[in-house]
Amino acid sequence: MLNQDRSPLGNTRPTPMLDPSVQRTLTNFSLITHGFGSPAIVAAMTAIQNYLTEMLKVVEKTYASVGGGVTSAQPLQLHAGGGTLDQPPQPSAGKLKDRVMMSQEDPAGSRK
C-alpha cells in the first residue's frame, strides 16, 4: 500500500491510486514527516527484507554443505549432536557411560 502512496511532494500532485480516505491519511503522514514518511518506511522494509534474504542464503549454503540443505519440512539441526529446535541432542551411549563413570570417581581417582 505504501508503494501506491501518491502524496504531493513539493510542487508535484500525482494522480491518487488509493481510496481517498486512505490517501488522505498517507498525505497527512507525508506532510508531518516532510515527505520522508512513506519512502523511508519502504526503504527500511526493503533493507530488512534484503538482509533476511541474504541470511537465508547463507544458512542454506552452510547446511547444504553439511547434510543436504534446509527445507521447510526438515527441522533445522543446531549442531552435529543431532538436536533440533524441538528436541535437544541425545548423548550417545559411549558418552553417557563416560559421564557415569566420571561421576562415580572420587577426587583421588579411585572408583567407589
PDB file of N, CA and C in Angstrom:
ATOM      1  N   MET A   1       0.825  -1.168   0.000  1.00  0.00           N
ATOM      2  CA  MET A   1       0.000   0.000   0.000  1.00  0.00           C
ATOM      3  C   MET A   1       0.883   1.250   0.000  1.00  0.00           C
ATOM      4  N   LEU A   2       1.999   1.194   0.719  1.00  0.00           N
ATOM      5  CA  LEU A   2       2.881   2.365   0.761  1.00  0.00           C
ATOM      6  C   LEU A   2       3.512   2.647  -0.598  1.00  0.00           C
ATOM      7  N   ASN A   3       3.702   1.613  -1.415  1.00  0.00           N
ATOM      8  CA  ASN A   3       4.234   1.827  -2.761  1.00  0.00           C
ATOM      9  C   ASN A   3       3.229   2.554  -3.647  1.00  0.00           C
ATOM     10  N   GLN A   4       1.961   2.481  -3.317  1.00  0.00           N
ATOM     11  CA  GLN A   4       0.926   3.150  -4.103  1.00  0.00           C
ATOM     12  C   GLN A   4       0.592   4.536  -3.572  1.00  0.00           C
ATOM     13  N   ASP A   5       1.296   4.968  -2.544  1.00  0.00           N
ATOM     14  CA  ASP A   5       1.060   6.292  -1.962  1.00  0.00           C
ATOM     15  C   ASP A   5       1.386   7.367  -2.996  1.00  0.00           C
ATOM     16  N   ARG A   6       0.455   8.257  -3.224  1.00  0.00           N
ATOM     17  CA  ARG A   6       0.650   9.357  -4.170  1.00  0.00           C
ATOM     18  C   ARG A   6       0.478  10.697  -3.458  1.00  0.00           C
ATOM     19  N   SER A   7       1.185  10.839  -2.353  1.00  0.00           N
ATOM     20  CA  SER A   7       1.134  12.095  -1.602  1.00  0.00           C
ATOM     21  C   SER A   7       1.871  13.171  -2.381  1.00  0.00           C
ATOM     22  N   PRO A   8       1.383  14.412  -2.331  1.00  0.00           N
ATOM     23  CA  PRO A   8       2.078  15.500  -3.029  1.00  0.00           C
ATOM     24  C   PRO A   8       3.450  15.770  -2.419  1.00  0.00           C
ATOM     25  N   LEU A   9       4.438  15.914  -3.270  1.00  0.00           N
ATOM     26  CA  LEU A   9       5.800  16.245  -2.847  1.00  0.00           C
ATOM     27  C   LEU A   9       6.225  17.502  -3.588  1.00  0.00           C
ATOM     28  N   GLY A  10       6.539  18.535  -2.841  1.00  0.00           N
ATOM     29  CA  GLY A  10       6.922  19.798  -3.471  1.00  0.00           C
ATOM     30  C   GLY A  10       5.773  20.356  -4.295  1.00  0.00           C
ATOM     31  N   ASN A  11       6.032  20.605  -5.587  1.00  0.00           N
ATOM     32  CA  ASN A  11       5.002  21.131  -6.482  1.00  0.00           C
ATOM     33  C   ASN A  11       4.283  20.038  -7.256  1.00  0.00           C
ATOM     34  N   THR A  12       4.649  18.775  -7.060  1.00  0.00           N
ATOM     35  CA  THR A  12       4.014  17.680  -7.813  1.00  0.00           C
ATOM     36  C   THR A  12       2.716  17.265  -7.144  1.00  0.00           C
ATOM     37  N   ARG A  13       1.741  16.932  -7.958  1.00  0.00           N
ATOM     38  CA  ARG A  13       0.448  16.437  -7.485  1.00  0.00           C
ATOM     39  C   ARG A  13       0.103  15.178  -8.280  1.00  0.00           C
ATOM     40  N   PRO A  14       0.680  14.022  -7.922  1.00  0.00           N
ATOM     41  CA  PRO A  14       0.397  12.791  -8.676  1.00  0.00           C
ATOM     42  C   PRO A  14      -1.075  12.380  -8.538  1.00  0.00           C
ATOM     43  N   THR A  15      -1.560  11.650  -9.526  1.00  0.00           N
ATOM     44  CA  THR A  15      -2.937  11.164  -9.516  1.00  0.00           C
ATOM     45  C   THR A  15      -3.082  10.099  -8.444  1.00  0.00           C
ATOM     46  N   PRO A  16      -4.042  10.262  -7.520  1.00  0.00           N
ATOM     47  CA  PRO A  16      -4.221   9.270  -6.454  1.00  0.00           C
ATOM     48  C   PRO A  16      -4.632   7.904  -7.009  1.00  0.00           C
ATOM     49  N   MET A  17      -4.096   6.840  -6.408  1.00  0.00           N
ATOM     50  CA  MET A  17      -4.436   5.471  -6.799  1.00  0.00           C
ATOM     51  C   MET A  17      -5.246   4.777  -5.714  1.00  0.00           C
ATOM     52  N   LEU A  18      -5.162   5.261  -4.497  1.00  0.00           N
ATOM     53  CA  LEU A  18      -5.809   4.610  -3.363  1.00  0.00           C
ATOM     54  C   LEU A  18      -7.152   5.253  -3.051  1.00  0.00           C
ATOM     55  N   ASP A  19      -7.892   4.590  -2.168  1.00  0.00           N
ATOM     56  CA  ASP A  19      -9.153   5.133  -1.668  1.00  0.00           C
ATOM     57  C   ASP A  19      -8.880   6.510  -1.055  1.00  0.00           C
ATOM     58  N   PRO A  20      -9.745   7.507  -1.286  1.00  0.00           N
ATOM     59  CA  PRO A  20      -9.484   8.859  -0.776  1.00  0.00           C
ATOM     60  C   PRO A  20      -9.239   8.933   0.729  1.00  0.00           C
ATOM     61  N   SER A  21      -9.936   8.130   1.522  1.00  0.00           N
ATOM     62  CA  SER A  21      -9.710   8.183   2.978  1.00  0.00           C
ATOM     63  C   SER A  21      -8.321   7.658   3.341  1.00  0.00           C
ATOM     64  N   VAL A  22      -7.864   6.623   2.652  1.00  0.00           N
ATOM     65  CA  VAL A  22      -6.524   6.077   2.899  1.00  0.00           C
ATOM     66  C   VAL A  22      -5.476   7.071   2.416  1.00  0.00           C
ATOM     67  N   GLN A  23      -5.691   7.630   1.233  1.00  0.00           N
ATOM     68  CA  GLN A  23      -4.730   8.575   0.674  1.00  0.00           C
ATOM     69  C   GLN A  23      -4.621   9.825   1.545  1.00  0.00           C
ATOM     70  N   ARG A  24      -5.729  10.272   2.111  1.00  0.00           N
ATOM     71  CA  ARG A  24      -5.719  11.451   2.985  1.00  0.00           C
ATOM     72  C   ARG A  24      -4.831  11.187   4.214  1.00  0.00           C
ATOM     73  N   THR A  25      -4.966  10.000   4.783  1.00  0.00           N
ATOM     74  CA  THR A  25      -4.143   9.638   5.946  1.00  0.00           C
ATOM     75  C   THR A  25      -2.666   9.581   5.572  1.00  0.00           C
ATOM     76  N   LEU A  26      -2.357   8.974   4.437  1.00  0.00           N
ATOM     77  CA  LEU A  26      -0.967   8.897   3.994  1.00  0.00           C
ATOM     78  C   LEU A  26      -0.414  10.277   3.646  1.00  0.00           C
ATOM     79  N   THR A  27      -1.257  11.142   3.098  1.00  0.00           N
ATOM     80  CA  THR A  27      -0.827  12.503   2.792  1.00  0.00           C
ATOM     81  C   THR A  27      -0.514  13.260   4.077  1.00  0.00           C
ATOM     82  N   ASN A  28      -1.349  13.107   5.107  1.00  0.00           N
ATOM     83  CA  ASN A  28      -1.068  13.745   6.402  1.00  0.00           C
ATOM     84  C   ASN A  28       0.251  13.247   6.974  1.00  0.00           C
ATOM     85  N   PHE A  29       0.486  11.932   6.889  1.00  0.00           N
ATOM     86  CA  PHE A  29       1.742  11.360   7.374  1.00  0.00           C
ATOM     87  C   PHE A  29       2.918  11.942   6.592  1.00  0.00           C
ATOM     88  N   SER A  30       2.771  12.065   5.286  1.00  0.00           N
ATOM     89  CA  SER A  30       3.829  12.617   4.452  1.00  0.00           C
ATOM     90  C   SER A  30       4.108  14.075   4.811  1.00  0.00           C
ATOM     91  N   LEU A  31       3.049  14.849   5.055  1.00  0.00           N
ATOM     92  CA  LEU A  31       3.240  16.253   5.416  1.00  0.00           C
ATOM     93  C   LEU A  31       3.925  16.395   6.772  1.00  0.00           C
ATOM     94  N   ILE A  32       3.560  15.551   7.728  1.00  0.00           N
ATOM     95  CA  ILE A  32       4.168  15.601   9.057  1.00  0.00           C
ATOM     96  C   ILE A  32       5.656  15.259   8.994  1.00  0.00           C
ATOM     97  N   THR A  33       6.024  14.309   8.124  1.00  0.00           N
ATOM     98  CA  THR A  33       7.417  13.855   8.030  1.00  0.00           C
ATOM     99  C   THR A  33       8.184  14.577   6.920  1.00  0.00           C
ATOM    100  N   HIS A  34       7.637  15.673   6.417  1.00  0.00           N
ATOM    101  CA  HIS A  34       8.285  16.493   5.389  1.00  0.00           C
ATOM    102  C   HIS A  34       8.558  15.703   4.113  1.00  0.00           C
ATOM    103  N   GLY A  35       7.677  14.731   3.802  1.00  0.00           N
ATOM    104  CA  GLY A  35       7.811  13.959   2.569  1.00  0.00           C
ATOM    105  C   GLY A  35       8.669  12.714   2.685  1.00  0.00           C
ATOM    106  N   PHE A  36       9.273  12.498   3.844  1.00  0.00           N
ATOM    107  CA  PHE A  36      10.158  11.344   4.019  1.00  0.00           C
ATOM    108  C   PHE A  36       9.436  10.117   4.575  1.00  0.00           C
ATOM    109  N   GLY A  37       8.199  10.237   5.004  1.00  0.00           N
ATOM    110  CA  GLY A  37       7.485   9.182   5.705  1.00  0.00           C
ATOM    111  C   GLY A  37       7.412   7.856   4.967  1.00  0.00           C
ATOM    112  N   SER A  38       6.562   7.778   3.958  1.00  0.00           N
ATOM    113  CA  SER A  38       6.356   6.515   3.235  1.00  0.00           C
ATOM    114  C   SER A  38       7.613   6.027   2.538  1.00  0.00           C
ATOM    115  N   PRO A  39       8.361   6.896   1.814  1.00  0.00           N
ATOM    116  CA  PRO A  39       9.594   6.399   1.186  1.00  0.00           C
ATOM    117  C   PRO A  39      10.601   5.852   2.197  1.00  0.00           C
ATOM    118  N   ALA A  40      10.690   6.469   3.380  1.00  0.00           N
ATOM    119  CA  ALA A  40      11.630   5.987   4.401  1.00  0.00           C
ATOM    120  C   ALA A  40      11.211   4.620   4.927  1.00  0.00           C
ATOM    121  N   ILE A  41       9.921   4.425   5.155  1.00  0.00           N
ATOM    122  CA  ILE A  41       9.436   3.132   5.650  1.00  0.00           C
ATOM    123  C   ILE A  41       9.639   2.057   4.591  1.00  0.00           C
ATOM    124  N   VAL A  42       9.333   2.379   3.326  1.00  0.00           N
ATOM    125  CA  VAL A  42       9.527   1.414   2.239  1.00  0.00           C
ATOM    126  C   VAL A  42      11.010   1.047   2.124  1.00  0.00           C
ATOM    127  N   ALA A  43      11.893   2.024   2.214  1.00  0.00           N
ATOM    128  CA  ALA A  43      13.330   1.752   2.127  1.00  0.00           C
ATOM    129  C   ALA A  43      13.799   0.878   3.285  1.00  0.00           C
ATOM    130  N   ALA A  44      13.334   1.158   4.495  1.00  0.00           N
ATOM    131  CA  ALA A  44      13.727   0.362   5.660  1.00  0.00           C
ATOM    132  C   ALA A  44      13.227  -1.070   5.539  1.00  0.00           C
ATOM    133  N   MET A  45      11.977  -1.232   5.137  1.00  0.00           N
ATOM    134  CA  MET A  45      11.426  -2.589   4.990  1.00  0.00           C
ATOM    135  C   MET A  45      12.132  -3.361   3.875  1.00  0.00           C
ATOM    136  N   THR A  46      12.506  -2.681   2.801  1.00  0.00           N
ATOM    137  CA  THR A  46      13.245  -3.326   1.716  1.00  0.00           C
ATOM    138  C   THR A  46      14.626  -3.757   2.201  1.00  0.00           C
ATOM    139  N   ALA A  47      15.280  -2.905   2.984  1.00  0.00           N
ATOM    140  CA  ALA A  47      16.594  -3.257   3.526  1.00  0.00           C
ATOM    141  C   ALA A  47      16.501  -4.474   4.448  1.00  0.00           C
ATOM    142  N   ILE A  48      15.484  -4.509   5.298  1.00  0.00           N
ATOM    143  CA  ILE A  48      15.298  -5.658   6.195  1.00  0.00           C
ATOM    144  C   ILE A  48      15.022  -6.922   5.389  1.00  0.00           C
ATOM    145  N   GLN A  49      14.182  -6.815   4.369  1.00  0.00           N
ATOM    146  CA  GLN A  49      13.875  -7.978   3.537  1.00  0.00           C
ATOM    147  C   GLN A  49      15.128  -8.477   2.813  1.00  0.00           C
ATOM    148  N   ASN A  50      15.939  -7.574   2.288  1.00  0.00           N
ATOM    149  CA  ASN A  50      17.178  -7.971   1.623  1.00  0.00           C
ATOM    150  C   ASN A  50      18.142  -8.642   2.598  1.00  0.00           C
ATOM    151  N   TYR A  51      18.238  -8.114   3.806  1.00  0.00           N
ATOM    152  CA  TYR A  51      19.105  -8.705   4.832  1.00  0.00           C
ATOM    153  C   TYR A  51      18.661 -10.129   5.157  1.00  0.00           C
ATOM    154  N   LEU A  52      17.360 -10.307   5.378  1.00  0.00           N
ATOM    155  CA  LEU A  52      16.852 -11.643   5.705  1.00  0.00           C
ATOM    156  C   LEU A  52      17.030 -12.611   4.541  1.00  0.00           C
ATOM    157  N   THR A  53      16.858 -12.125   3.318  1.00  0.00           N
ATOM    158  CA  THR A  53      17.060 -12.979   2.141  1.00  0.00           C
ATOM    159  C   THR A  53      18.511 -13.445   2.064  1.00  0.00           C
ATOM    160  N   GLU A  54      19.448 -12.533   2.287  1.00  0.00           N
ATOM    161  CA  GLU A  54      20.864 -12.905   2.248  1.00  0.00           C
ATOM    162  C   GLU A  54      21.228 -13.853   3.385  1.00  0.00           C
ATOM    163  N   MET A  55      20.674 -13.639   4.567  1.00  0.00           N
ATOM    164  CA  MET A  55      20.943 -14.536   5.686  1.00  0.00           C
ATOM    165  C   MET A  55      20.390 -15.931   5.409  1.00  0.00           C
ATOM    166  N   LEU A  56      19.230 -16.010   4.771  1.00  0.00           N
ATOM    167  CA  LEU A  56      18.662 -17.302   4.403  1.00  0.00           C
ATOM    168  C   LEU A  56      19.568 -18.025   3.412  1.00  0.00           C
ATOM    169  N   LYS A  57      20.138 -17.293   2.471  1.00  0.00           N
ATOM    170  CA  LYS A  57      21.075 -17.894   1.521  1.00  0.00           C
ATOM    171  C   LYS A  57      22.295 -18.454   2.236  1.00  0.00           C
ATOM    172  N   VAL A  58      22.811 -17.707   3.234  1.00  0.00           N
ATOM    173  CA  VAL A  58      23.977 -18.173   3.993  1.00  0.00           C
ATOM    174  C   VAL A  58      23.638 -19.444   4.756  1.00  0.00           C
ATOM    175  N   VAL A  59      22.477 -19.469   5.405  1.00  0.00           N
ATOM    176  CA  VAL A  59      22.064 -20.650   6.167  1.00  0.00           C
ATOM    177  C   VAL A  59      21.878 -21.838   5.237  1.00  0.00           C
ATOM    178  N   GLU A  60      21.231 -21.623   4.100  1.00  0.00           N
ATOM    179  CA  GLU A  60      21.027 -22.722   3.160  1.00  0.00           C
ATOM    180  C   GLU A  60      22.351 -23.247   2.634  1.00  0.00           C
ATOM    181  N   LYS A  61      23.297 -22.343   2.320  1.00  0.00           N
ATOM    182  CA  LYS A  61      24.593 -22.775   1.810  1.00  0.00           C
ATOM    183  C   LYS A  61      25.378 -23.511   2.886  1.00  0.00           C
ATOM    184  N   THR A  62      25.326 -23.037   4.118  1.00  0.00           N
ATOM    185  CA  THR A  62      26.054 -23.667   5.217  1.00  0.00           C
ATOM    186  C   THR A  62      25.527 -25.076   5.472  1.00  0.00           C
ATOM    187  N   TYR A  63      24.231 -25.220   5.566  1.00  0.00           N
ATOM    188  CA  TYR A  63      23.662 -26.527   5.871  1.00  0.00           C
ATOM    189  C   TYR A  63      23.583 -27.429   4.657  1.00  0.00           C
ATOM    190  N   ALA A  64      23.662 -26.884   3.456  1.00  0.00           N
ATOM    191  CA  ALA A  64      23.709 -27.716   2.261  1.00  0.00           C
ATOM    192  C   ALA A  64      25.042 -28.454   2.211  1.00  0.00           C
ATOM    193  N   SER A  65      26.126 -27.803   2.651  1.00  0.00           N
ATOM    194  CA  SER A  65      27.431 -28.450   2.644  1.00  0.00           C
ATOM    195  C   SER A  65      27.548 -29.472   3.773  1.00  0.00           C
ATOM    196  N   VAL A  66      26.741 -29.322   4.832  1.00  0.00           N
ATOM    197  CA  VAL A  66      26.796 -30.235   5.966  1.00  0.00           C
ATOM    198  C   VAL A  66      25.983 -31.494   5.701  1.00  0.00           C
ATOM    199  N   GLY A  67      24.771 -31.316   5.172  1.00  0.00           N
ATOM    200  CA  GLY A  67      23.963 -32.517   5.054  1.00  0.00           C
ATOM    201  C   GLY A  67      22.743 -32.412   4.159  1.00  0.00           C
ATOM    202  N   GLY A  68      22.829 -31.729   3.062  1.00  0.00           N
ATOM    203  CA  GLY A  68      21.741 -31.783   2.118  1.00  0.00           C
ATOM    204  C   GLY A  68      20.804 -30.598   2.114  1.00  0.00           C
ATOM    205  N   GLY A  69      21.073 -29.573   2.865  1.00  0.00           N
ATOM    206  CA  GLY A  69      20.261 -28.366   2.786  1.00  0.00           C
ATOM    207  C   GLY A  69      19.136 -28.334   3.785  1.00  0.00           C
ATOM    208  N   VAL A  70      18.455 -27.214   3.828  1.00  0.00           N
ATOM    209  CA  VAL A  70      17.357 -26.991   4.743  1.00  0.00           C
ATOM    210  C   VAL A  70      16.096 -26.813   3.928  1.00  0.00           C
ATOM    211  N   THR A  71      15.070 -27.559   4.275  1.00  0.00           N
ATOM    212  CA  THR A  71      13.774 -27.382   3.630  1.00  0.00           C
ATOM    213  C   THR A  71      12.761 -27.069   4.711  1.00  0.00           C
ATOM    214  N   SER A  72      11.593 -26.613   4.305  1.00  0.00           N
ATOM    215  CA  SER A  72      10.578 -26.272   5.298  1.00  0.00           C
ATOM    216  C   SER A  72      10.058 -27.509   6.017  1.00  0.00           C
ATOM    217  N   ALA A  73      10.158 -28.681   5.403  1.00  0.00           N
ATOM    218  CA  ALA A  73       9.673 -29.903   6.037  1.00  0.00           C
ATOM    219  C   ALA A  73      10.726 -30.538   6.943  1.00  0.00           C
ATOM    220  N   GLN A  74      11.967 -30.096   6.835  1.00  0.00           N
ATOM    221  CA  GLN A  74      13.066 -30.689   7.605  1.00  0.00           C
ATOM    222  C   GLN A  74      13.463 -29.718   8.709  1.00  0.00           C
ATOM    223  N   PRO A  75      13.457 -30.136   9.993  1.00  0.00           N
ATOM    224  CA  PRO A  75      13.847 -29.228  11.066  1.00  0.00           C
ATOM    225  C   PRO A  75      15.320 -28.852  10.955  1.00  0.00           C
ATOM    226  N   LEU A  76      15.634 -27.652  11.322  1.00  0.00           N
ATOM    227  CA  LEU A  76      16.995 -27.155  11.287  1.00  0.00           C
ATOM    228  C   LEU A  76      17.805 -27.796  12.407  1.00  0.00           C
ATOM    229  N   GLN A  77      18.910 -28.467  12.063  1.00  0.00           N
ATOM    230  CA  GLN A  77      19.748 -29.079  13.082  1.00  0.00           C
ATOM    231  C   GLN A  77      20.687 -28.032  13.642  1.00  0.00           C
ATOM    232  N   LEU A  78      20.769 -27.985  14.963  1.00  0.00           N
ATOM    233  CA  LEU A  78      21.574 -26.969  15.605  1.00  0.00           C
ATOM    234  C   LEU A  78      23.059 -27.300  15.578  1.00  0.00           C
ATOM    235  N   HIS A  79      23.421 -28.555  15.758  1.00  0.00           N
ATOM    236  CA  HIS A  79      24.814 -28.956  15.745  1.00  0.00           C
ATOM    237  C   HIS A  79      24.913 -30.441  15.453  1.00  0.00           C
ATOM    238  N   ALA A  80      26.129 -30.945  15.407  1.00  0.00           N
ATOM    239  CA  ALA A  80      26.365 -32.317  14.992  1.00  0.00           C
ATOM    240  C   ALA A  80      25.766 -33.354  15.932  1.00  0.00           C
ATOM    241  N   GLY A  81      25.368 -32.972  17.141  1.00  0.00           N
ATOM    242  CA  GLY A  81      24.788 -33.912  18.090  1.00  0.00           C
ATOM    243  C   GLY A  81      23.391 -34.364  17.706  1.00  0.00           C
ATOM    244  N   GLY A  82      22.807 -33.755  16.694  1.00  0.00           N
ATOM    245  CA  GLY A  82      21.502 -34.201  16.224  1.00  0.00           C
ATOM    246  C   GLY A  82      20.332 -33.471  16.837  1.00  0.00           C
ATOM    247  N   GLY A  83      20.561 -32.472  17.673  1.00  0.00           N
ATOM    248  CA  GLY A  83      19.459 -31.751  18.281  1.00  0.00           C
ATOM    249  C   GLY A  83      18.780 -30.832  17.284  1.00  0.00           C
ATOM    250  N   THR A  84      17.500 -30.603  17.489  1.00  0.00           N
ATOM    251  CA  THR A  84      16.751 -29.666  16.668  1.00  0.00           C
ATOM    252  C   THR A  84      16.186 -28.599  17.594  1.00  0.00           C
ATOM    253  N   LEU A  85      15.427 -27.689  17.016  1.00  0.00           N
ATOM    254  CA  LEU A  85      14.825 -26.653  17.845  1.00  0.00           C
ATOM    255  C   LEU A  85      13.829 -27.258  18.828  1.00  0.00           C
ATOM    256  N   ASP A  86      13.187 -28.376  18.449  1.00  0.00           N
ATOM    257  CA  ASP A  86      12.198 -29.009  19.303  1.00  0.00           C
ATOM    258  C   ASP A  86      12.796 -30.041  20.250  1.00  0.00           C
ATOM    259  N   GLN A  87      13.873 -30.723  19.833  1.00  0.00           N
ATOM    260  CA  GLN A  87      14.425 -31.808  20.626  1.00  0.00           C
ATOM    261  C   GLN A  87      15.920 -31.568  20.833  1.00  0.00           C
ATOM    262  N   PRO A  88      16.383 -31.535  22.078  1.00  0.00           N
ATOM    263  CA  PRO A  88      17.823 -31.359  22.320  1.00  0.00           C
ATOM    264  C   PRO A  88      18.581 -32.619  21.905  1.00  0.00           C
ATOM    265  N   PRO A  89      19.874 -32.497  21.665  1.00  0.00           N
ATOM    266  CA  PRO A  89      20.656 -33.665  21.262  1.00  0.00           C
ATOM    267  C   PRO A  89      20.701 -34.705  22.369  1.00  0.00           C
ATOM    268  N   GLN A  90      20.677 -35.942  21.979  1.00  0.00           N
ATOM    269  CA  GLN A  90      20.758 -37.044  22.928  1.00  0.00           C
ATOM    270  C   GLN A  90      22.201 -37.540  22.952  1.00  0.00           C
ATOM    271  N   PRO A  91      22.794 -37.690  24.130  1.00  0.00           N
ATOM    272  CA  PRO A  91      24.167 -38.190  24.184  1.00  0.00           C
ATOM    273  C   PRO A  91      24.219 -39.640  23.725  1.00  0.00           C
ATOM    274  N   SER A  92      25.316 -39.982  23.068  1.00  0.00           N
ATOM    275  CA  SER A  92      25.475 -41.363  22.634  1.00  0.00           C
ATOM    276  C   SER A  92      25.752 -42.244  23.845  1.00  0.00           C
ATOM    277  N   ALA A  93      25.607 -43.560  23.674  1.00  0.00           N
ATOM    278  CA  ALA A  93      25.791 -44.491  24.788  1.00  0.00           C
ATOM    279  C   ALA A  93      27.199 -44.394  25.356  1.00  0.00           C
ATOM    280  N   GLY A  94      28.210 -44.218  24.501  1.00  0.00           N
ATOM    281  CA  GLY A  94      29.592 -44.124  24.963  1.00  0.00           C
ATOM    282  C   GLY A  94      29.820 -42.889  25.808  1.00  0.00           C
ATOM    283  N   LYS A  95      29.295 -41.753  25.372  1.00  0.00           N
ATOM    284  CA  LYS A  95      29.473 -40.519  26.129  1.00  0.00           C
ATOM    285  C   LYS A  95      28.737 -40.592  27.460  1.00  0.00           C
ATOM    286  N   LEU A  96      27.536 -41.172  27.455  1.00  0.00           N
ATOM    287  CA  LEU A  96      26.764 -41.293  28.678  1.00  0.00           C
ATOM    288  C   LEU A  96      27.492 -42.192  29.666  1.00  0.00           C
ATOM    289  N   LYS A  97      28.054 -43.297  29.181  1.00  0.00           N
ATOM    290  CA  LYS A  97      28.798 -44.219  30.042  1.00  0.00           C
ATOM    291  C   LYS A  97      30.006 -43.517  30.654  1.00  0.00           C
ATOM    292  N   ASP A  98      30.730 -42.711  29.847  1.00  0.00           N
ATOM    293  CA  ASP A  98      31.886 -41.981  30.359  1.00  0.00           C
ATOM    294  C   ASP A  98      31.468 -41.003  31.457  1.00  0.00           C
ATOM    295  N   ARG A  99      30.327 -40.323  31.278  1.00  0.00           N
ATOM    296  CA  ARG A  99      29.849 -39.384  32.293  1.00  0.00           C
ATOM    297  C   ARG A  99      29.515 -40.099  33.594  1.00  0.00           C
ATOM    298  N   VAL A 100      28.867 -41.251  33.493  1.00  0.00           N
ATOM    299  CA  VAL A 100      28.506 -42.010  34.691  1.00  0.00           C
ATOM    300  C   VAL A 100      29.770 -42.474  35.404  1.00  0.00           C
ATOM    301  N   MET A 101      30.747 -42.957  34.637  1.00  0.00           N
ATOM    302  CA  MET A 101      31.983 -43.434  35.232  1.00  0.00           C
ATOM    303  C   MET A 101      32.728 -42.294  35.927  1.00  0.00           C
ATOM    304  N   MET A 102      32.749 -41.108  35.316  1.00  0.00           N
ATOM    305  CA  MET A 102      33.443 -39.966  35.908  1.00  0.00           C
ATOM    306  C   MET A 102      32.744 -39.507  37.181  1.00  0.00           C
ATOM    307  N   SER A 103      31.426 -39.587  37.217  1.00  0.00           N
ATOM    308  CA  SER A 103      30.702 -39.130  38.398  1.00  0.00           C
ATOM    309  C   SER A 103      30.872 -40.092  39.567  1.00  0.00           C
ATOM    310  N   GLN A 104      31.282 -41.337  39.303  1.00  0.00           N
ATOM    311  CA  GLN A 104      31.470 -42.311  40.376  1.00  0.00           C
ATOM    312  C   GLN A 104      32.885 -42.292  40.935  1.00  0.00           C
ATOM    313  N   GLU A 105      33.777 -41.511  40.324  1.00  0.00           N
ATOM    314  CA  GLU A 105      35.155 -41.434  40.806  1.00  0.00           C
ATOM    315  C   GLU A 105      35.280 -40.385  41.885  1.00  0.00           C
ATOM    316  N   ASP A 106      36.129 -40.662  42.879  1.00  0.00           N
ATOM    317  CA  ASP A 106      36.371 -39.650  43.897  1.00  0.00           C
ATOM    318  C   ASP A 106      37.546 -38.776  43.460  1.00  0.00           C
ATOM    319  N   PRO A 107      37.813 -37.673  44.147  1.00  0.00           N
ATOM    320  CA  PRO A 107      38.877 -36.762  43.719  1.00  0.00           C
ATOM    321  C   PRO A 107      40.251 -37.433  43.615  1.00  0.00           C
ATOM    322  N   ALA A 108      40.487 -38.503  44.367  1.00  0.00           N
ATOM    323  CA  ALA A 108      41.793 -39.163  44.316  1.00  0.00           C
ATOM    324  C   ALA A 108      41.935 -40.032  43.076  1.00  0.00           C
ATOM    325  N   GLY A 109      40.818 -40.277  42.377  1.00  0.00           N
ATOM    326  CA  GLY A 109      40.902 -41.036  41.132  1.00  0.00           C
ATOM    327  C   GLY A 109      40.482 -42.480  41.275  1.00  0.00           C
ATOM    328  N   SER A 110      40.183 -42.964  42.502  1.00  0.00           N
ATOM    329  CA  SER A 110      39.764 -44.356  42.653  1.00  0.00           C
ATOM    330  C   SER A 110      38.236 -44.444  42.554  1.00  0.00           C
ATOM    331  N   ARG A 111      37.736 -45.592  42.117  1.00  0.00           N
ATOM    332  CA  ARG A 111      36.305 -45.776  41.942  1.00  0.00           C
ATOM    333  C   ARG A 111      35.650 -46.225  43.237  1.00  0.00           C
ATOM    334  N   LYS A 112      34.380 -45.840  43.367  1.00  0.00           N
ATOM    335  CA  LYS A 112      33.620 -46.220  44.553  1.00  0.00           C
ATOM    336  C   LYS A 112      33.061 -47.614  44.413  1.00  0.00           C
TER     337      LYS A 112
END
